[in-house]
Amino acid sequence: MSLTGIVRPYGDTTGDGRVQLSFTLPVPFGNESERALAEGAALQLAAKMGLDPAMVVHAKGMGPDFTFFIVYGRVSHLVDLSAVTVAEREFPVLPAAEVNLRIRSALGRKLVVVGACIGTDAHTVGIDAILNVKGHAGEKGLEYYREIRVVNMGSQVGVADLVVRAAAEHADAILVSQVVTQRDAHLSNTREMAAAFGAGFNSRRPLLVVGGPRFDPTMAHDLGVDKIFGRGTTPREVASYLVYALVPPQGDQGGKKGSPPQAKGSPSEASKAGRAA
C-alpha cells in the first residue's frame, strides 16, 4: 500500500469509511423514556460529528446521571498520507553498554537522575517502569545502568520538594511522570515545575523531562521543559536521550562543531566544578 496516497477508514469492507467511537453524555439511562432520549442525544452528536448513517451499538448507564455510548457509523472524510507530519527521533537508541561507556568517558562520574510523580498524581507505574531495575517491555530500567544514579521520590511529590531534592542530589536530569489529566492537571503541573526550576536554578537548572500517555511530544517548548515522552516509551530510549542531551561524544569536550545541542538550562562546566568541589 502506498504511504503517500489518499485513504479512508476501514470497517467491513475496504474504503467503506466506517468508524467506531465511544463517549459519555451527562444524561440518565434509567427508564424506557430516558433511554430513548439518551440514545437520541448520542445519535444527534454522532450526526454533528459527520457520521452518516450512525447507530448506537452499546449504551450503559454510568451512575444515575450519565450514559456511556459506543457508536458505529460512516464518515466521508479522506486522509492524505503525504500531509501527515511525523516527528523523527533526533537521537539514536543505544545499548546499555554504550550508554555507560559514554557517561564514564565524558563525565568521569555517574549521571544523576531524580524522578517523581508531582502534584496529586499517585500513579507510579510509568515512572517505575523507566527507573526501576525491573524496567518495562523487556528492557531494564535506569537503575540497571552502572553509570546512572537514580533517586526515585515516588508519588504525590510537591514541586518545591522536588527542587530542593534536585539541588541536594546535584541532579543532571529530572524525570517526571504525569498520568492524571483531569482539567489538564498534567499541563499545569508541568508548567509549575518548569517555573520553579527556572527560579531555583536560573540558567543552570537540570534537564527537565516529562512523560505520560496524554502528553503531546511537540509541546516541550510551550511547557518549558526539554523533552516530552509519550506512551510506549522504553527505559533505553530515555537513557539514550539523556546521553544525547548531556554527554558530548567521545573526543568532544563540547567545543567542536557538530556536538549534540546542550539542553536549555542544563548543567554547565561551572556547576560540574561545583559538584567536584
Protein backbone atom coordinates (compact mmCIF):
# COMPACT_ATOMS: atom_id res chain seq x y z
CA MET A 1 0.00 0.00 0.00
CA SER A 2 1.24 3.47 -0.85
CA LEU A 3 2.38 5.60 2.09
CA THR A 4 1.70 8.86 0.27
CA GLY A 5 -1.80 8.26 -1.11
CA ILE A 6 -5.37 9.02 -0.08
CA VAL A 7 -7.04 6.59 2.33
CA ARG A 8 -10.40 6.19 4.06
CA PRO A 9 -11.29 4.37 7.27
CA TYR A 10 -11.92 0.64 7.01
CA GLY A 11 -14.75 -1.16 8.79
CA ASP A 12 -16.49 -4.01 6.98
CA THR A 13 -15.01 -3.58 3.50
CA THR A 14 -12.03 -1.64 2.17
CA GLY A 15 -12.69 2.09 1.92
CA ASP A 16 -16.21 1.97 3.36
CA GLY A 17 -15.46 4.84 5.76
CA ARG A 18 -16.82 3.02 8.80
CA VAL A 19 -15.58 4.11 12.24
CA GLN A 20 -16.40 3.32 15.85
CA LEU A 21 -16.15 5.78 18.70
CA SER A 22 -17.08 5.98 22.36
CA PHE A 23 -18.12 8.86 24.60
CA THR A 24 -20.14 9.72 27.71
CA LEU A 25 -23.06 12.13 27.92
CA PRO A 26 -24.48 13.65 31.12
CA VAL A 27 -27.92 12.09 30.58
CA PRO A 28 -29.56 9.31 32.65
CA PHE A 29 -30.17 5.81 31.29
CA GLY A 30 -32.90 4.75 33.67
CA ASN A 31 -36.43 4.05 32.45
CA GLU A 32 -37.55 3.43 28.88
CA SER A 33 -38.20 7.10 28.17
CA GLU A 34 -34.81 8.18 29.50
CA ARG A 35 -33.04 5.50 27.46
CA ALA A 36 -34.75 6.61 24.26
CA LEU A 37 -33.79 10.22 24.95
CA ALA A 38 -30.20 9.25 25.74
CA GLU A 39 -29.77 7.25 22.53
CA GLY A 40 -31.35 10.05 20.52
CA ALA A 41 -28.85 12.50 22.03
CA ALA A 42 -25.97 10.18 21.13
CA LEU A 43 -27.16 9.88 17.53
CA GLN A 44 -27.55 13.66 17.26
CA LEU A 45 -23.97 14.13 18.43
CA ALA A 46 -22.73 11.47 16.01
CA ALA A 47 -24.51 13.22 13.12
CA LYS A 48 -22.93 16.55 14.03
CA MET A 49 -19.53 14.81 14.02
CA GLY A 50 -20.13 13.69 10.44
CA LEU A 51 -21.26 10.07 10.93
CA ASP A 52 -23.98 9.27 8.42
CA PRO A 53 -25.61 6.87 8.90
CA ALA A 54 -24.83 6.15 12.55
CA MET A 55 -26.12 3.62 15.04
CA VAL A 56 -25.77 3.14 18.77
CA VAL A 57 -24.28 -0.33 19.24
CA HIS A 58 -23.82 -0.09 23.02
CA ALA A 59 -25.23 2.09 25.79
CA LYS A 60 -24.80 1.68 29.54
CA GLY A 61 -25.71 3.84 32.49
CA MET A 62 -22.78 5.24 34.46
CA GLY A 63 -24.41 6.03 37.77
CA PRO A 64 -27.76 7.81 37.90
CA ASP A 65 -26.90 10.77 35.67
CA PHE A 66 -24.52 9.61 32.91
CA THR A 67 -24.57 7.20 29.96
CA PHE A 68 -21.66 5.64 28.12
CA PHE A 69 -22.10 5.00 24.37
CA ILE A 70 -20.36 3.18 21.57
CA VAL A 71 -21.48 4.46 18.17
CA TYR A 72 -20.75 2.92 14.76
CA GLY A 73 -21.14 4.85 11.53
CA ARG A 74 -19.72 6.05 8.24
CA VAL A 75 -17.65 9.16 7.59
CA SER A 76 -16.91 10.76 4.25
CA HIS A 77 -13.57 12.24 5.27
CA LEU A 78 -10.36 11.26 3.48
CA VAL A 79 -6.82 11.11 4.88
CA ASP A 80 -3.89 12.40 2.81
CA LEU A 81 -0.87 10.41 3.99
CA SER A 82 1.52 12.79 2.26
CA ALA A 83 0.29 15.60 4.52
CA VAL A 84 0.91 13.70 7.75
CA THR A 85 3.75 15.16 9.84
CA VAL A 86 5.85 12.63 11.71
CA ALA A 87 8.25 13.74 14.44
CA GLU A 88 11.54 11.93 13.85
CA ARG A 89 13.62 10.92 16.86
CA GLU A 90 16.67 13.20 16.93
CA PHE A 91 18.96 10.74 18.68
CA PRO A 92 19.97 7.09 18.22
CA VAL A 93 18.79 4.44 20.70
CA LEU A 94 21.93 2.99 22.27
CA PRO A 95 22.62 -0.32 24.03
CA ALA A 96 23.18 -0.11 27.79
CA ALA A 97 26.91 -0.77 27.44
CA GLU A 98 27.31 2.21 25.09
CA VAL A 99 25.33 4.47 27.42
CA ASN A 100 27.57 3.51 30.33
CA LEU A 101 30.74 3.94 28.30
CA ARG A 102 29.83 7.42 27.08
CA ILE A 103 28.91 8.64 30.56
CA ARG A 104 32.06 7.21 32.14
CA SER A 105 34.34 8.55 29.40
CA ALA A 106 32.87 12.03 29.14
CA LEU A 107 31.75 12.86 32.68
CA GLY A 108 34.10 10.82 34.82
CA ARG A 109 31.28 10.34 37.33
CA LYS A 110 27.78 8.96 37.47
CA LEU A 111 24.95 10.83 35.78
CA VAL A 112 22.35 11.71 38.45
CA VAL A 113 18.64 11.35 37.68
CA VAL A 114 15.85 12.35 40.08
CA GLY A 115 12.38 11.03 39.26
CA ALA A 116 8.92 11.67 40.69
CA CYS A 117 5.19 11.95 40.13
CA ILE A 118 4.31 15.51 41.09
CA GLY A 119 1.14 17.15 42.39
CA THR A 120 -1.63 14.79 43.48
CA ASP A 121 -0.66 12.16 40.89
CA ALA A 122 -0.25 8.80 42.67
CA HIS A 123 0.24 6.66 39.55
CA THR A 124 3.83 5.40 39.79
CA VAL A 125 3.62 2.64 37.19
CA GLY A 126 5.08 4.86 34.47
CA ILE A 127 7.95 6.37 36.44
CA ASP A 128 8.77 2.98 37.99
CA ALA A 129 8.83 1.34 34.56
CA ILE A 130 11.53 3.79 33.47
CA LEU A 131 13.55 4.00 36.69
CA ASN A 132 13.28 0.64 38.47
CA VAL A 133 15.70 -2.10 37.53
CA LYS A 134 12.81 -4.39 36.52
CA GLY A 135 12.08 -1.97 33.69
CA HIS A 136 9.43 -2.29 31.01
CA ALA A 137 8.80 -4.15 27.76
CA GLY A 138 11.75 -6.46 28.28
CA GLU A 139 14.19 -3.61 28.97
CA LYS A 140 15.88 -2.90 32.28
CA GLY A 141 15.21 0.46 33.93
CA LEU A 142 17.76 3.20 34.57
CA GLU A 143 18.78 1.64 37.89
CA TYR A 144 20.35 -1.14 35.80
CA TYR A 145 22.84 1.28 34.22
CA ARG A 146 26.10 1.28 36.17
CA GLU A 147 26.88 4.90 35.35
CA ILE A 148 23.46 6.33 36.24
CA ARG A 149 22.49 7.07 39.84
CA VAL A 150 18.73 7.09 40.27
CA VAL A 151 16.75 8.84 43.02
CA ASN A 152 13.07 7.84 42.84
CA MET A 153 10.97 10.12 45.05
CA GLY A 154 7.74 8.24 44.33
CA SER A 155 4.27 9.78 44.06
CA GLN A 156 2.49 12.98 45.10
CA VAL A 157 5.72 14.93 45.39
CA GLY A 158 5.43 18.68 45.83
CA VAL A 159 7.23 20.78 43.23
CA ALA A 160 9.12 22.70 45.92
CA ASP A 161 10.29 19.42 47.46
CA LEU A 162 11.45 18.20 44.06
CA VAL A 163 13.52 21.35 43.50
CA VAL A 164 15.15 21.03 46.93
CA ARG A 165 15.97 17.34 46.41
CA ALA A 166 17.35 18.01 42.92
CA ALA A 167 19.72 20.61 44.35
CA ALA A 168 20.78 18.33 47.19
CA GLU A 169 21.50 15.45 44.83
CA HIS A 170 23.23 17.66 42.24
CA ALA A 171 20.84 16.26 39.66
CA ASP A 172 21.74 16.28 35.99
CA ALA A 173 18.20 15.42 34.91
CA ILE A 174 14.67 15.42 36.35
CA LEU A 175 12.19 12.80 35.15
CA VAL A 176 8.53 13.47 35.94
CA SER A 177 5.60 11.21 35.12
CA GLN A 178 2.04 12.54 34.87
CA VAL A 179 -0.94 10.26 34.32
CA VAL A 180 -3.79 12.25 35.90
CA THR A 181 -5.11 14.60 33.22
CA GLN A 182 -8.43 15.88 34.60
CA ARG A 183 -8.75 19.59 33.88
CA ASP A 184 -5.33 19.40 32.20
CA ALA A 185 -3.61 18.85 35.55
CA HIS A 186 -0.61 17.32 33.76
CA LEU A 187 -0.08 20.56 31.84
CA SER A 188 -0.47 22.93 34.79
CA ASN A 189 1.77 20.74 36.96
CA THR A 190 4.46 20.69 34.28
CA ARG A 191 4.38 24.46 33.83
CA GLU A 192 4.60 24.93 37.61
CA MET A 193 7.60 22.62 37.76
CA ALA A 194 9.37 24.37 34.89
CA ALA A 195 8.83 27.76 36.50
CA ALA A 196 10.07 26.53 39.88
CA PHE A 197 13.27 25.08 38.42
CA GLY A 198 13.82 28.20 36.38
CA ALA A 199 13.56 30.32 39.52
CA GLY A 200 15.55 27.95 41.71
CA PHE A 201 18.43 27.24 39.32
CA ASN A 202 18.29 30.22 36.94
CA SER A 203 20.06 29.20 33.72
CA ARG A 204 21.88 26.25 35.32
CA ARG A 205 18.92 24.04 36.00
CA PRO A 206 18.90 20.27 35.36
CA LEU A 207 17.48 18.78 32.20
CA LEU A 208 13.68 18.59 32.55
CA VAL A 209 11.99 15.52 31.06
CA VAL A 210 8.30 14.66 31.43
CA GLY A 211 6.27 11.72 30.25
CA GLY A 212 2.73 10.38 30.21
CA PRO A 213 0.11 8.92 27.87
CA ARG A 214 -1.72 12.21 27.26
CA PHE A 215 1.22 14.48 26.53
CA ASP A 216 1.85 15.86 23.06
CA PRO A 217 5.62 15.45 22.42
CA THR A 218 5.64 18.64 20.36
CA MET A 219 4.65 20.80 23.37
CA ALA A 220 8.01 20.70 25.18
CA HIS A 221 8.88 24.32 24.40
CA ASP A 222 5.42 25.59 25.33
CA LEU A 223 5.53 23.78 28.67
CA GLY A 224 9.06 24.98 29.48
CA VAL A 225 10.74 21.56 29.53
CA ASP A 226 13.46 19.98 27.42
CA LYS A 227 11.79 16.73 26.33
CA ILE A 228 8.38 15.03 26.41
CA PHE A 229 7.93 11.29 26.06
CA GLY A 230 4.55 9.78 25.21
CA ARG A 231 3.06 6.32 25.54
CA GLY A 232 5.19 3.32 24.66
CA THR A 233 8.47 4.92 25.76
CA THR A 234 11.11 2.45 26.94
CA PRO A 235 13.90 2.91 29.50
CA ARG A 236 16.59 2.52 26.82
CA GLU A 237 15.06 5.36 24.84
CA VAL A 238 15.14 7.64 27.88
CA ALA A 239 18.74 6.64 28.72
CA SER A 240 19.78 7.32 25.13
CA TYR A 241 18.19 10.76 25.21
CA LEU A 242 19.97 11.64 28.45
CA VAL A 243 23.28 10.75 26.86
CA TYR A 244 22.41 12.69 23.71
CA ALA A 245 21.43 15.81 25.67
CA LEU A 246 24.01 15.78 28.48
CA VAL A 247 27.07 13.84 27.36
CA PRO A 248 29.30 15.06 24.49
CA PRO A 249 30.52 12.42 22.03
CA GLN A 250 33.82 10.71 22.78
CA GLY A 251 36.72 13.01 21.94
CA ASP A 252 34.47 16.08 22.01
CA GLN A 253 34.61 18.31 25.07
CA GLY A 254 31.73 20.43 23.87
CA GLY A 255 33.73 22.84 21.71
CA LYS A 256 33.57 21.02 18.39
CA LYS A 257 31.05 21.81 15.74
CA GLY A 258 28.51 19.04 15.39
CA SER A 259 28.30 18.08 19.05
CA PRO A 260 24.76 17.39 20.34
CA PRO A 261 22.94 20.55 21.40
CA GLN A 262 23.25 21.37 25.09
CA ALA A 263 19.78 21.41 26.60
CA LYS A 264 18.48 24.76 27.73
CA GLY A 265 19.49 25.31 31.32
CA SER A 266 21.38 22.03 31.57
CA PRO A 267 24.36 21.74 33.96
CA SER A 268 27.35 23.80 32.88
CA GLU A 269 31.04 23.24 33.45
CA ALA A 270 30.81 25.63 36.37
CA SER A 271 28.11 23.57 38.05
CA LYS A 272 30.14 20.41 37.45
CA ALA A 273 33.13 22.06 39.08
CA GLY A 274 30.93 22.98 41.99
CA ARG A 275 29.94 19.34 42.40
CA ALA A 276 33.59 18.29 42.33
CA ALA A 277 34.39 20.84 44.99
